[in-house]
């Protein structure tokens, strides 16, 4: 069975590496980006659809896309996509900006919480 592809978007290099490593160890195929713009380019061109998106809400990519937009575009491509938003301070907007089949993890959180959230959303979806 092919591993499930997860799109990971995090603009802090150390966290990106840490999250990518943890998701990979949990058995996921991870495609990681530090920019919302690059993540969306991948989503629109990918041959294998990402079944899950893990994204920071506030990205330093001033050019445009934040985590809300990345997830919305992923959801428009596949309404079944599971989304985990990560935030230090954007969670209050989740009820209005979040997509269905999503959850918010407040930073800082334990890596185990991330793996659990992704797995639960994929199993429910």
PDB file of N, CA and C in Angstrom:
ATOM      1  N   UNK A   1       0.839  -1.188   0.000  1.00  0.00           N
ATOM      2  CA  UNK A   1       0.000   0.000   0.000  1.00  0.00           C
ATOM      3  C   UNK A   1       0.883   1.250   0.000  1.00  0.00           C
ATOM      4  N   UNK A   2       0.543   2.184  -0.867  1.00  0.00           N
ATOM      5  CA  UNK A   2       1.309   3.432  -0.954  1.00  0.00           C
ATOM      6  C   UNK A   2       1.107   4.266   0.296  1.00  0.00           C
ATOM      7  N   UNK A   3       2.162   4.916   0.777  1.00  0.00           N
ATOM      8  CA  UNK A   3       1.970   5.797   1.927  1.00  0.00           C
ATOM      9  C   UNK A   3       1.132   7.019   1.535  1.00  0.00           C
ATOM     10  N   UNK A   4       0.387   7.526   2.490  1.00  0.00           N
ATOM     11  CA  UNK A   4      -0.447   8.709   2.283  1.00  0.00           C
ATOM     12  C   UNK A   4       0.452   9.938   2.152  1.00  0.00           C
ATOM     13  N   UNK A   5       0.176  10.773   1.150  1.00  0.00           N
ATOM     14  CA  UNK A   5       0.966  11.988   0.950  1.00  0.00           C
ATOM     15  C   UNK A   5       0.406  13.131   1.783  1.00  0.00           C
ATOM     16  N   UNK A   6       1.299  13.766   2.529  1.00  0.00           N
ATOM     17  CA  UNK A   6       0.959  14.917   3.360  1.00  0.00           C
ATOM     18  C   UNK A   6       1.748  16.115   2.853  1.00  0.00           C
ATOM     19  N   UNK A   7       1.063  17.219   2.621  1.00  0.00           N
ATOM     20  CA  UNK A   7       1.708  18.477   2.256  1.00  0.00           C
ATOM     21  C   UNK A   7       1.979  19.233   3.549  1.00  0.00           C
ATOM     22  N   UNK A   8       3.227  19.575   3.777  1.00  0.00           N
ATOM     23  CA  UNK A   8       3.634  20.283   4.992  1.00  0.00           C
ATOM     24  C   UNK A   8       4.120  21.677   4.625  1.00  0.00           C
ATOM     25  N   UNK A   9       3.570  22.703   5.291  1.00  0.00           N
ATOM     26  CA  UNK A   9       3.978  24.081   5.028  1.00  0.00           C
ATOM     27  C   UNK A   9       4.316  24.748   6.354  1.00  0.00           C
ATOM     28  N   UNK A  10       5.588  25.100   6.516  1.00  0.00           N
ATOM     29  CA  UNK A  10       6.076  25.735   7.748  1.00  0.00           C
ATOM     30  C   UNK A  10       7.265  26.607   7.375  1.00  0.00           C
ATOM     31  N   UNK A  11       7.208  27.880   7.739  1.00  0.00           N
ATOM     32  CA  UNK A  11       8.277  28.793   7.320  1.00  0.00           C
ATOM     33  C   UNK A  11       9.475  28.835   8.262  1.00  0.00           C
ATOM     34  N   UNK A  12       9.377  28.208   9.424  1.00  0.00           N
ATOM     35  CA  UNK A  12      10.530  28.142  10.330  1.00  0.00           C
ATOM     36  C   UNK A  12      11.286  26.852  10.024  1.00  0.00           C
ATOM     37  N   UNK A  13      12.515  27.000   9.523  1.00  0.00           N
ATOM     38  CA  UNK A  13      13.302  25.865   9.058  1.00  0.00           C
ATOM     39  C   UNK A  13      13.431  24.713  10.028  1.00  0.00           C
ATOM     40  N   UNK A  14      13.714  25.023  11.280  1.00  0.00           N
ATOM     41  CA  UNK A  14      13.907  23.975  12.277  1.00  0.00           C
ATOM     42  C   UNK A  14      12.613  23.197  12.499  1.00  0.00           C
ATOM     43  N   UNK A  15      11.492  23.918  12.593  1.00  0.00           N
ATOM     44  CA  UNK A  15      10.201  23.250  12.781  1.00  0.00           C
ATOM     45  C   UNK A  15       9.828  22.439  11.546  1.00  0.00           C
ATOM     46  N   UNK A  16      10.089  22.979  10.371  1.00  0.00           N
ATOM     47  CA  UNK A  16       9.803  22.265   9.129  1.00  0.00           C
ATOM     48  C   UNK A  16      10.524  20.922   9.142  1.00  0.00           C
ATOM     49  N   UNK A  17      11.796  20.943   9.476  1.00  0.00           N
ATOM     50  CA  UNK A  17      12.590  19.718   9.537  1.00  0.00           C
ATOM     51  C   UNK A  17      12.024  18.760  10.582  1.00  0.00           C
ATOM     52  N   UNK A  18      11.714  19.275  11.765  1.00  0.00           N
ATOM     53  CA  UNK A  18      11.223  18.444  12.866  1.00  0.00           C
ATOM     54  C   UNK A  18       9.879  17.792  12.506  1.00  0.00           C
ATOM     55  N   UNK A  19       8.957  18.585  11.946  1.00  0.00           N
ATOM     56  CA  UNK A  19       7.641  18.058  11.584  1.00  0.00           C
ATOM     57  C   UNK A  19       7.750  17.048  10.439  1.00  0.00           C
ATOM     58  N   UNK A  20       8.597  17.363   9.455  1.00  0.00           N
ATOM     59  CA  UNK A  20       8.778  16.465   8.314  1.00  0.00           C
ATOM     60  C   UNK A  20       9.326  15.118   8.782  1.00  0.00           C
ATOM     61  N   UNK A  21      10.328  15.162   9.650  1.00  0.00           N
ATOM     62  CA  UNK A  21      10.932  13.938  10.175  1.00  0.00           C
ATOM     63  C   UNK A  21       9.901  13.099  10.937  1.00  0.00           C
ATOM     64  N   UNK A  22       9.102  13.758  11.777  1.00  0.00           N
ATOM     65  CA  UNK A  22       8.111  13.036  12.586  1.00  0.00           C
ATOM     66  C   UNK A  22       7.025  12.400  11.716  1.00  0.00           C
ATOM     67  N   UNK A  23       6.541  13.134  10.735  1.00  0.00           N
ATOM     68  CA  UNK A  23       5.503  12.605   9.845  1.00  0.00           C
ATOM     69  C   UNK A  23       6.038  11.457   8.993  1.00  0.00           C
ATOM     70  N   UNK A  24       7.283  11.582   8.550  1.00  0.00           N
ATOM     71  CA  UNK A  24       7.914  10.516   7.762  1.00  0.00           C
ATOM     72  C   UNK A  24       8.068   9.258   8.614  1.00  0.00           C
ATOM     73  N   UNK A  25       8.535   9.437   9.849  1.00  0.00           N
ATOM     74  CA  UNK A  25       8.698   8.292  10.755  1.00  0.00           C
ATOM     75  C   UNK A  25       7.358   7.629  11.054  1.00  0.00           C
ATOM     76  N   UNK A  26       6.271   8.423  10.998  1.00  0.00           N
ATOM     77  CA  UNK A  26       4.937   7.879  11.251  1.00  0.00           C
ATOM     78  C   UNK A  26       4.378   7.157  10.023  1.00  0.00           C
ATOM     79  N   UNK A  27       5.153   7.153   8.923  1.00  0.00           N
ATOM     80  CA  UNK A  27       4.755   6.384   7.755  1.00  0.00           C
ATOM     81  C   UNK A  27       4.128   7.179   6.619  1.00  0.00           C
ATOM     82  N   UNK A  28       4.158   8.506   6.733  1.00  0.00           N
ATOM     83  CA  UNK A  28       3.585   9.336   5.678  1.00  0.00           C
ATOM     84  C   UNK A  28       4.640   9.718   4.643  1.00  0.00           C
ATOM     85  N   UNK A  29       4.196   9.953   3.423  1.00  0.00           N
ATOM     86  CA  UNK A  29       5.048  10.506   2.375  1.00  0.00           C
ATOM     87  C   UNK A  29       4.880  12.029   2.508  1.00  0.00           C
ATOM     88  N   UNK A  30       5.921  12.735   2.878  1.00  0.00           N
ATOM     89  CA  UNK A  30       5.814  14.164   3.157  1.00  0.00           C
ATOM     90  C   UNK A  30       6.438  14.995   2.046  1.00  0.00           C
ATOM     91  N   UNK A  31       5.670  15.983   1.582  1.00  0.00           N
ATOM     92  CA  UNK A  31       6.165  16.961   0.626  1.00  0.00           C
ATOM     93  C   UNK A  31       6.166  18.284   1.381  1.00  0.00           C
ATOM     94  N   UNK A  32       7.363  18.825   1.637  1.00  0.00           N
ATOM     95  CA  UNK A  32       7.487  19.978   2.529  1.00  0.00           C
ATOM     96  C   UNK A  32       7.878  21.254   1.789  1.00  0.00           C
ATOM     97  N   UNK A  33       7.271  22.359   2.223  1.00  0.00           N
ATOM     98  CA  UNK A  33       7.566  23.674   1.661  1.00  0.00           C
ATOM     99  C   UNK A  33       7.634  24.702   2.782  1.00  0.00           C
ATOM    100  N   UNK A  34       8.460  25.725   2.569  1.00  0.00           N
ATOM    101  CA  UNK A  34       8.533  26.820   3.536  1.00  0.00           C
ATOM    102  C   UNK A  34       7.718  28.017   3.057  1.00  0.00           C
ATOM    103  N   UNK A  35       7.056  27.879   1.907  1.00  0.00           N
ATOM    104  CA  UNK A  35       6.311  28.977   1.314  1.00  0.00           C
ATOM    105  C   UNK A  35       4.929  28.512   0.877  1.00  0.00           C
ATOM    106  N   UNK A  36       3.919  29.301   1.192  1.00  0.00           N
ATOM    107  CA  UNK A  36       2.560  28.983   0.779  1.00  0.00           C
ATOM    108  C   UNK A  36       2.422  28.980  -0.730  1.00  0.00           C
ATOM    109  N   UNK A  37       3.104  29.900  -1.385  1.00  0.00           N
ATOM    110  CA  UNK A  37       3.043  30.004  -2.842  1.00  0.00           C
ATOM    111  C   UNK A  37       3.569  28.737  -3.498  1.00  0.00           C
ATOM    112  N   UNK A  38       4.715  28.246  -3.031  1.00  0.00           N
ATOM    113  CA  UNK A  38       5.295  27.027  -3.597  1.00  0.00           C
ATOM    114  C   UNK A  38       4.409  25.807  -3.297  1.00  0.00           C
ATOM    115  N   UNK A  39       3.818  25.792  -2.117  1.00  0.00           N
ATOM    116  CA  UNK A  39       2.927  24.685  -1.756  1.00  0.00           C
ATOM    117  C   UNK A  39       1.729  24.624  -2.697  1.00  0.00           C
ATOM    118  N   UNK A  40       1.165  25.776  -3.019  1.00  0.00           N
ATOM    119  CA  UNK A  40       0.010  25.821  -3.921  1.00  0.00           C
ATOM    120  C   UNK A  40       0.415  25.430  -5.340  1.00  0.00           C
ATOM    121  N   UNK A  41       1.603  25.844  -5.758  1.00  0.00           N
ATOM    122  CA  UNK A  41       2.098  25.424  -7.076  1.00  0.00           C
ATOM    123  C   UNK A  41       2.161  23.899  -7.130  1.00  0.00           C
ATOM    124  N   UNK A  42       2.638  23.296  -6.052  1.00  0.00           N
ATOM    125  CA  UNK A  42       2.705  21.831  -5.988  1.00  0.00           C
ATOM    126  C   UNK A  42       1.296  21.234  -6.052  1.00  0.00           C
ATOM    127  N   UNK A  43       0.376  21.762  -5.239  1.00  0.00           N
ATOM    128  CA  UNK A  43      -0.988  21.234  -5.200  1.00  0.00           C
ATOM    129  C   UNK A  43      -1.631  21.230  -6.585  1.00  0.00           C
ATOM    130  N   UNK A  44      -1.396  22.297  -7.309  1.00  0.00           N
ATOM    131  CA  UNK A  44      -2.039  22.439  -8.623  1.00  0.00           C
ATOM    132  C   UNK A  44      -1.388  21.576  -9.696  1.00  0.00           C
ATOM    133  N   UNK A  45      -0.158  21.129  -9.478  1.00  0.00           N
ATOM    134  CA  UNK A  45       0.544  20.361 -10.507  1.00  0.00           C
ATOM    135  C   UNK A  45       0.768  18.907 -10.123  1.00  0.00           C
ATOM    136  N   UNK A  46       0.478  18.546  -8.892  1.00  0.00           N
ATOM    137  CA  UNK A  46       0.822  17.205  -8.392  1.00  0.00           C
ATOM    138  C   UNK A  46       0.062  16.097  -9.104  1.00  0.00           C
ATOM    139  N   UNK A  47       0.795  15.047  -9.409  1.00  0.00           N
ATOM    140  CA  UNK A  47       0.161  13.862  -9.986  1.00  0.00           C
ATOM    141  C   UNK A  47      -0.520  13.052  -8.895  1.00  0.00           C
ATOM    142  N   UNK A  48       0.070  13.073  -7.709  1.00  0.00           N
ATOM    143  CA  UNK A  48      -0.508  12.370  -6.569  1.00  0.00           C
ATOM    144  C   UNK A  48      -1.084  13.429  -5.622  1.00  0.00           C
ATOM    145  N   UNK A  49      -2.384  13.382  -5.431  1.00  0.00           N
ATOM    146  CA  UNK A  49      -3.026  14.375  -4.565  1.00  0.00           C
ATOM    147  C   UNK A  49      -2.605  14.167  -3.113  1.00  0.00           C
ATOM    148  N   UNK A  50      -2.377  15.272  -2.425  1.00  0.00           N
ATOM    149  CA  UNK A  50      -2.100  15.202  -0.993  1.00  0.00           C
ATOM    150  C   UNK A  50      -3.412  14.884  -0.283  1.00  0.00           C
ATOM    151  N   UNK A  51      -3.416  13.857   0.550  1.00  0.00           N
ATOM    152  CA  UNK A  51      -4.622  13.506   1.313  1.00  0.00           C
ATOM    153  C   UNK A  51      -4.721  14.351   2.565  1.00  0.00           C
ATOM    154  N   UNK A  52      -3.576  14.941   2.960  1.00  0.00           N
ATOM    155  CA  UNK A  52      -3.572  15.780   4.150  1.00  0.00           C
ATOM    156  C   UNK A  52      -2.690  16.992   3.955  1.00  0.00           C
ATOM    157  N   UNK A  53      -3.050  18.069   4.644  1.00  0.00           N
ATOM    158  CA  UNK A  53      -2.256  19.295   4.628  1.00  0.00           C
ATOM    159  C   UNK A  53      -1.989  19.677   6.073  1.00  0.00           C
ATOM    160  N   UNK A  54      -0.718  19.904   6.383  1.00  0.00           N
ATOM    161  CA  UNK A  54      -0.323  20.414   7.692  1.00  0.00           C
ATOM    162  C   UNK A  54       0.321  21.751   7.417  1.00  0.00           C
ATOM    163  N   UNK A  55      -0.299  22.834   7.898  1.00  0.00           N
ATOM    164  CA  UNK A  55       0.217  24.158   7.565  1.00  0.00           C
ATOM    165  C   UNK A  55       0.211  25.120   8.737  1.00  0.00           C
ATOM    166  N   UNK A  56       1.281  25.880   8.805  1.00  0.00           N
ATOM    167  CA  UNK A  56       1.330  27.003   9.729  1.00  0.00           C
ATOM    168  C   UNK A  56       0.335  28.023   9.178  1.00  0.00           C
ATOM    169  N   UNK A  57      -0.315  28.776  10.041  1.00  0.00           N
ATOM    170  CA  UNK A  57      -1.280  29.768   9.564  1.00  0.00           C
ATOM    171  C   UNK A  57      -0.560  31.019   9.076  1.00  0.00           C
ATOM    172  N   UNK A  58       0.343  31.521   9.888  1.00  0.00           N
ATOM    173  CA  UNK A  58       1.064  32.736   9.505  1.00  0.00           C
ATOM    174  C   UNK A  58       2.399  32.372   8.890  1.00  0.00           C
ATOM    175  N   UNK A  59       2.519  32.638   7.607  1.00  0.00           N
ATOM    176  CA  UNK A  59       3.750  32.328   6.887  1.00  0.00           C
ATOM    177  C   UNK A  59       4.461  33.632   6.552  1.00  0.00           C
ATOM    178  N   UNK A  60       5.761  33.624   6.606  1.00  0.00           N
ATOM    179  CA  UNK A  60       6.513  34.855   6.365  1.00  0.00           C
ATOM    180  C   UNK A  60       6.618  35.194   4.886  1.00  0.00           C
ATOM    181  N   UNK A  61       6.054  34.325   4.050  1.00  0.00           N
ATOM    182  CA  UNK A  61       6.053  34.543   2.611  1.00  0.00           C
ATOM    183  C   UNK A  61       5.155  35.747   2.321  1.00  0.00           C
ATOM    184  N   UNK A  62       5.715  36.921   2.360  1.00  0.00           N
ATOM    185  CA  UNK A  62       4.957  38.157   2.223  1.00  0.00           C
ATOM    186  C   UNK A  62       4.208  38.215   0.891  1.00  0.00           C
ATOM    187  N   UNK A  63       4.723  37.459  -0.059  1.00  0.00           N
ATOM    188  CA  UNK A  63       4.148  37.498  -1.398  1.00  0.00           C
ATOM    189  C   UNK A  63       2.667  37.222  -1.377  1.00  0.00           C
ATOM    190  N   UNK A  64       2.170  36.548  -0.358  1.00  0.00           N
ATOM    191  CA  UNK A  64       0.756  36.322  -0.485  1.00  0.00           C
ATOM    192  C   UNK A  64       0.147  35.334   0.457  1.00  0.00           C
ATOM    193  N   UNK A  65       0.322  34.081   0.121  1.00  0.00           N
ATOM    194  CA  UNK A  65      -0.541  33.063   0.698  1.00  0.00           C
ATOM    195  C   UNK A  65      -0.218  32.696   2.137  1.00  0.00           C
ATOM    196  N   UNK A  66      -1.267  32.714   2.973  1.00  0.00           N
ATOM    197  CA  UNK A  66      -1.094  32.233   4.342  1.00  0.00           C
ATOM    198  C   UNK A  66      -1.669  30.810   4.419  1.00  0.00           C
ATOM    199  N   UNK A  67      -1.594  30.229   5.586  1.00  0.00           N
ATOM    200  CA  UNK A  67      -2.061  28.851   5.753  1.00  0.00           C
ATOM    201  C   UNK A  67      -3.546  28.674   5.476  1.00  0.00           C
ATOM    202  N   UNK A  68      -4.348  29.686   5.806  1.00  0.00           N
ATOM    203  CA  UNK A  68      -5.792  29.608   5.518  1.00  0.00           C
ATOM    204  C   UNK A  68      -6.000  29.413   4.011  1.00  0.00           C
ATOM    205  N   UNK A  69      -5.277  30.191   3.213  1.00  0.00           N
ATOM    206  CA  UNK A  69      -5.447  30.135   1.754  1.00  0.00           C
ATOM    207  C   UNK A  69      -4.912  28.832   1.171  1.00  0.00           C
ATOM    208  N   UNK A  70      -3.763  28.382   1.680  1.00  0.00           N
ATOM    209  CA  UNK A  70      -3.209  27.105   1.206  1.00  0.00           C
ATOM    210  C   UNK A  70      -4.232  25.996   1.427  1.00  0.00           C
ATOM    211  N   UNK A  71      -4.813  25.946   2.629  1.00  0.00           N
ATOM    212  CA  UNK A  71      -5.782  24.894   2.953  1.00  0.00           C
ATOM    213  C   UNK A  71      -7.050  25.031   2.113  1.00  0.00           C
ATOM    214  N   UNK A  72      -7.503  26.254   1.892  1.00  0.00           N
ATOM    215  CA  UNK A  72      -8.722  26.469   1.097  1.00  0.00           C
ATOM    216  C   UNK A  72      -8.513  25.964  -0.335  1.00  0.00           C
ATOM    217  N   UNK A  73      -7.347  26.255  -0.910  1.00  0.00           N
ATOM    218  CA  UNK A  73      -7.043  25.808  -2.271  1.00  0.00           C
ATOM    219  C   UNK A  73      -6.951  24.276  -2.307  1.00  0.00           C
ATOM    220  N   UNK A  74      -6.314  23.692  -1.307  1.00  0.00           N
ATOM    221  CA  UNK A  74      -6.227  22.224  -1.233  1.00  0.00           C
ATOM    222  C   UNK A  74      -7.623  21.618  -1.146  1.00  0.00           C
ATOM    223  N   UNK A  75      -8.496  22.265  -0.372  1.00  0.00           N
ATOM    224  CA  UNK A  75      -9.863  21.780  -0.190  1.00  0.00           C
ATOM    225  C   UNK A  75     -10.671  21.916  -1.488  1.00  0.00           C
ATOM    226  N   UNK A  76     -10.420  22.986  -2.250  1.00  0.00           N
ATOM    227  CA  UNK A  76     -11.114  23.155  -3.536  1.00  0.00           C
ATOM    228  C   UNK A  76     -10.690  22.057  -4.518  1.00  0.00           C
ATOM    229  N   UNK A  77      -9.431  21.633  -4.436  1.00  0.00           N
ATOM    230  CA  UNK A  77      -8.927  20.562  -5.300  1.00  0.00           C
ATOM    231  C   UNK A  77      -9.501  19.221  -4.842  1.00  0.00           C
ATOM    232  N   UNK A  78      -9.555  19.006  -3.535  1.00  0.00           N
ATOM    233  CA  UNK A  78     -10.065  17.753  -2.974  1.00  0.00           C
ATOM    234  C   UNK A  78     -10.832  18.044  -1.689  1.00  0.00           C
ATOM    235  N   UNK A  79     -12.169  18.077  -1.745  1.00  0.00           N
ATOM    236  CA  UNK A  79     -12.981  18.388  -0.563  1.00  0.00           C
ATOM    237  C   UNK A  79     -12.848  17.373   0.575  1.00  0.00           C
ATOM    238  N   UNK A  80     -12.181  16.244   0.318  1.00  0.00           N
ATOM    239  CA  UNK A  80     -11.971  15.233   1.363  1.00  0.00           C
ATOM    240  C   UNK A  80     -10.663  15.446   2.127  1.00  0.00           C
ATOM    241  N   UNK A  81      -9.858  16.422   1.705  1.00  0.00           N
ATOM    242  CA  UNK A  81      -8.532  16.606   2.294  1.00  0.00           C
ATOM    243  C   UNK A  81      -8.635  16.894   3.799  1.00  0.00           C
ATOM    244  N   UNK A  82      -7.709  16.299   4.540  1.00  0.00           N
ATOM    245  CA  UNK A  82      -7.622  16.525   5.986  1.00  0.00           C
ATOM    246  C   UNK A  82      -6.633  17.668   6.213  1.00  0.00           C
ATOM    247  N   UNK A  83      -6.997  18.633   7.060  1.00  0.00           N
ATOM    248  CA  UNK A  83      -6.132  19.794   7.277  1.00  0.00           C
ATOM    249  C   UNK A  83      -5.842  19.980   8.761  1.00  0.00           C
ATOM    250  N   UNK A  84      -4.558  20.114   9.066  1.00  0.00           N
ATOM    251  CA  UNK A  84      -4.136  20.481  10.420  1.00  0.00           C
ATOM    252  C   UNK A  84      -3.474  21.849  10.322  1.00  0.00           C
ATOM    253  N   UNK A  85      -4.089  22.832  10.964  1.00  0.00           N
ATOM    254  CA  UNK A  85      -3.505  24.171  11.035  1.00  0.00           C
ATOM    255  C   UNK A  85      -2.640  24.236  12.285  1.00  0.00           C
ATOM    256  N   UNK A  86      -1.501  24.912  12.175  1.00  0.00           N
ATOM    257  CA  UNK A  86      -0.631  25.120  13.338  1.00  0.00           C
ATOM    258  C   UNK A  86      -0.508  26.624  13.538  1.00  0.00           C
ATOM    259  N   UNK A  87      -0.648  27.055  14.800  1.00  0.00           N
ATOM    260  CA  UNK A  87      -0.596  28.490  15.023  1.00  0.00           C
ATOM    261  C   UNK A  87      -0.180  28.847  16.432  1.00  0.00           C
ATOM    262  N   UNK A  88       0.531  29.940  16.517  1.00  0.00           N
ATOM    263  CA  UNK A  88       0.827  30.513  17.819  1.00  0.00           C
ATOM    264  C   UNK A  88      -0.218  31.546  18.187  1.00  0.00           C
ATOM    265  N   UNK A  89      -0.912  32.064  17.162  1.00  0.00           N
ATOM    266  CA  UNK A  89      -1.860  33.145  17.453  1.00  0.00           C
ATOM    267  C   UNK A  89      -2.953  33.351  16.422  1.00  0.00           C
ATOM    268  N   UNK A  90      -3.266  32.377  15.606  1.00  0.00           N
ATOM    269  CA  UNK A  90      -4.322  32.572  14.618  1.00  0.00           C
ATOM    270  C   UNK A  90      -5.536  31.693  14.830  1.00  0.00           C
ATOM    271  N   UNK A  91      -5.533  30.913  15.892  1.00  0.00           N
ATOM    272  CA  UNK A  91      -6.586  29.926  16.097  1.00  0.00           C
ATOM    273  C   UNK A  91      -7.974  30.547  16.250  1.00  0.00           C
ATOM    274  N   UNK A  92      -8.052  31.769  16.722  1.00  0.00           N
ATOM    275  CA  UNK A  92      -9.365  32.391  16.932  1.00  0.00           C
ATOM    276  C   UNK A  92     -10.124  32.548  15.622  1.00  0.00           C
ATOM    277  N   UNK A  93      -9.415  32.593  14.493  1.00  0.00           N
ATOM    278  CA  UNK A  93     -10.061  32.754  13.187  1.00  0.00           C
ATOM    279  C   UNK A  93     -10.520  31.426  12.582  1.00  0.00           C
ATOM    280  N   UNK A  94     -10.202  30.312  13.231  1.00  0.00           N
ATOM    281  CA  UNK A  94     -10.507  29.003  12.667  1.00  0.00           C
ATOM    282  C   UNK A  94     -11.990  28.809  12.334  1.00  0.00           C
ATOM    283  N   UNK A  95     -12.920  29.191  13.236  1.00  0.00           N
ATOM    284  CA  UNK A  95     -14.332  28.971  12.890  1.00  0.00           C
ATOM    285  C   UNK A  95     -14.756  29.676  11.595  1.00  0.00           C
ATOM    286  N   UNK A  96     -14.174  30.817  11.297  1.00  0.00           N
ATOM    287  CA  UNK A  96     -14.578  31.548  10.093  1.00  0.00           C
ATOM    288  C   UNK A  96     -13.713  31.238   8.877  1.00  0.00           C
ATOM    289  N   UNK A  97     -12.453  30.878   9.086  1.00  0.00           N
ATOM    290  CA  UNK A  97     -11.530  30.686   7.960  1.00  0.00           C
ATOM    291  C   UNK A  97     -11.147  29.240   7.700  1.00  0.00           C
ATOM    292  N   UNK A  98     -11.367  28.369   8.659  1.00  0.00           N
ATOM    293  CA  UNK A  98     -10.969  26.968   8.497  1.00  0.00           C
ATOM    294  C   UNK A  98     -11.858  26.218   7.524  1.00  0.00           C
ATOM    295  N   UNK A  99     -11.307  25.191   6.893  1.00  0.00           N
ATOM    296  CA  UNK A  99     -12.072  24.349   5.981  1.00  0.00           C
ATOM    297  C   UNK A  99     -12.667  23.173   6.759  1.00  0.00           C
ATOM    298  N   UNK A 100     -13.681  22.493   6.177  1.00  0.00           N
ATOM    299  CA  UNK A 100     -14.200  21.285   6.835  1.00  0.00           C
ATOM    300  C   UNK A 100     -13.098  20.239   6.994  1.00  0.00           C
ATOM    301  N   UNK A 101     -13.291  19.323   7.944  1.00  0.00           N
ATOM    302  CA  UNK A 101     -12.330  18.242   8.204  1.00  0.00           C
ATOM    303  C   UNK A 101     -10.963  18.817   8.572  1.00  0.00           C
ATOM    304  N   UNK A 102     -10.992  19.809   9.479  1.00  0.00           N
ATOM    305  CA  UNK A 102      -9.738  20.422   9.910  1.00  0.00           C
ATOM    306  C   UNK A 102      -9.700  20.569  11.422  1.00  0.00           C
ATOM    307  N   UNK A 103      -8.508  20.837  11.909  1.00  0.00           N
ATOM    308  CA  UNK A 103      -8.273  21.022  13.340  1.00  0.00           C
ATOM    309  C   UNK A 103      -7.151  22.048  13.491  1.00  0.00           C
ATOM    310  N   UNK A 104      -7.111  22.720  14.638  1.00  0.00           N
ATOM    311  CA  UNK A 104      -6.029  23.670  14.913  1.00  0.00           C
ATOM    312  C   UNK A 104      -5.221  23.158  16.094  1.00  0.00           C
ATOM    313  N   UNK A 105      -3.908  23.160  15.935  1.00  0.00           N
ATOM    314  CA  UNK A 105      -3.005  22.867  17.051  1.00  0.00           C
ATOM    315  C   UNK A 105      -2.326  24.172  17.434  1.00  0.00           C
ATOM    316  N   UNK A 106      -2.433  24.538  18.706  1.00  0.00           N
ATOM    317  CA  UNK A 106      -1.798  25.758  19.195  1.00  0.00           C
ATOM    318  C   UNK A 106      -0.328  25.466  19.488  1.00  0.00           C
ATOM    319  N   UNK A 107       0.569  26.285  18.940  1.00  0.00           N
ATOM    320  CA  UNK A 107       1.997  26.152  19.246  1.00  0.00           C
ATOM    321  C   UNK A 107       2.244  26.718  20.638  1.00  0.00           C
ATOM    322  N   UNK A 108       3.131  26.138  21.394  1.00  0.00           N
ATOM    323  CA  UNK A 108       3.860  24.899  21.109  1.00  0.00           C
ATOM    324  C   UNK A 108       2.985  23.677  21.416  1.00  0.00           C
ATOM    325  N   UNK A 109       3.206  22.606  20.699  1.00  0.00           N
ATOM    326  CA  UNK A 109       2.493  21.359  20.936  1.00  0.00           C
ATOM    327  C   UNK A 109       3.489  20.214  20.835  1.00  0.00           C
ATOM    328  N   UNK A 110       3.104  19.074  21.381  1.00  0.00           N
ATOM    329  CA  UNK A 110       3.957  17.884  21.310  1.00  0.00           C
ATOM    330  C   UNK A 110       3.821  17.262  19.922  1.00  0.00           C
ATOM    331  N   UNK A 111       4.918  16.750  19.388  1.00  0.00           N
ATOM    332  CA  UNK A 111       4.915  16.119  18.071  1.00  0.00           C
ATOM    333  C   UNK A 111       3.862  15.013  18.010  1.00  0.00           C
ATOM    334  N   UNK A 112       3.685  14.296  19.104  1.00  0.00           N
ATOM    335  CA  UNK A 112       2.688  13.220  19.133  1.00  0.00           C
ATOM    336  C   UNK A 112       1.287  13.764  18.840  1.00  0.00           C
ATOM    337  N   UNK A 113       1.007  14.989  19.268  1.00  0.00           N
ATOM    338  CA  UNK A 113      -0.306  15.593  18.999  1.00  0.00           C
ATOM    339  C   UNK A 113      -0.500  15.803  17.494  1.00  0.00           C
ATOM    340  N   UNK A 114       0.564  16.183  16.812  1.00  0.00           N
ATOM    341  CA  UNK A 114       0.488  16.390  15.366  1.00  0.00           C
ATOM    342  C   UNK A 114       0.171  15.074  14.657  1.00  0.00           C
ATOM    343  N   UNK A 115       0.897  14.019  14.984  1.00  0.00           N
ATOM    344  CA  UNK A 115       0.688  12.717  14.354  1.00  0.00           C
ATOM    345  C   UNK A 115      -0.729  12.222  14.638  1.00  0.00           C
ATOM    346  N   UNK A 116      -1.186  12.373  15.874  1.00  0.00           N
ATOM    347  CA  UNK A 116      -2.537  11.948  16.253  1.00  0.00           C
ATOM    348  C   UNK A 116      -3.593  12.723  15.470  1.00  0.00           C
ATOM    349  N   UNK A 117      -3.423  14.039  15.375  1.00  0.00           N
ATOM    350  CA  UNK A 117      -4.401  14.876  14.664  1.00  0.00           C
ATOM    351  C   UNK A 117      -4.501  14.478  13.192  1.00  0.00           C
ATOM    352  N   UNK A 118      -3.355  14.308  12.542  1.00  0.00           N
ATOM    353  CA  UNK A 118      -3.342  13.923  11.126  1.00  0.00           C
ATOM    354  C   UNK A 118      -4.020  12.558  10.960  1.00  0.00           C
ATOM    355  N   UNK A 119      -3.646  11.591  11.790  1.00  0.00           N
ATOM    356  CA  UNK A 119      -4.186  10.238  11.676  1.00  0.00           C
ATOM    357  C   UNK A 119      -5.688  10.224  11.893  1.00  0.00           C
ATOM    358  N   UNK A 120      -6.164  10.948  12.917  1.00  0.00           N
ATOM    359  CA  UNK A 120      -7.601  10.981  13.197  1.00  0.00           C
ATOM    360  C   UNK A 120      -8.384  11.584  12.035  1.00  0.00           C
ATOM    361  N   UNK A 121      -7.912  12.699  11.508  1.00  0.00           N
ATOM    362  CA  UNK A 121      -8.620  13.347  10.399  1.00  0.00           C
ATOM    363  C   UNK A 121      -8.647  12.443   9.166  1.00  0.00           C
ATOM    364  N   UNK A 122      -7.553  11.772   8.882  1.00  0.00           N
ATOM    365  CA  UNK A 122      -7.513  10.869   7.720  1.00  0.00           C
ATOM    366  C   UNK A 122      -8.452   9.690   7.909  1.00  0.00           C
ATOM    367  N   UNK A 123      -8.543   9.189   9.125  1.00  0.00           N
ATOM    368  CA  UNK A 123      -9.419   8.045   9.397  1.00  0.00           C
ATOM    369  C   UNK A 123     -10.888   8.438   9.346  1.00  0.00           C
ATOM    370  N   UNK A 124     -11.191   9.682   9.727  1.00  0.00           N
ATOM    371  CA  UNK A 124     -12.581  10.153   9.704  1.00  0.00           C
ATOM    372  C   UNK A 124     -13.030  10.477   8.293  1.00  0.00           C
ATOM    373  N   UNK A 125     -12.045  10.970   7.471  1.00  0.00           N
ATOM    374  CA  UNK A 125     -12.365  11.453   6.125  1.00  0.00           C
ATOM    375  C   UNK A 125     -12.750  10.397   5.147  1.00  0.00           C
TER     376      UNK A 125
END
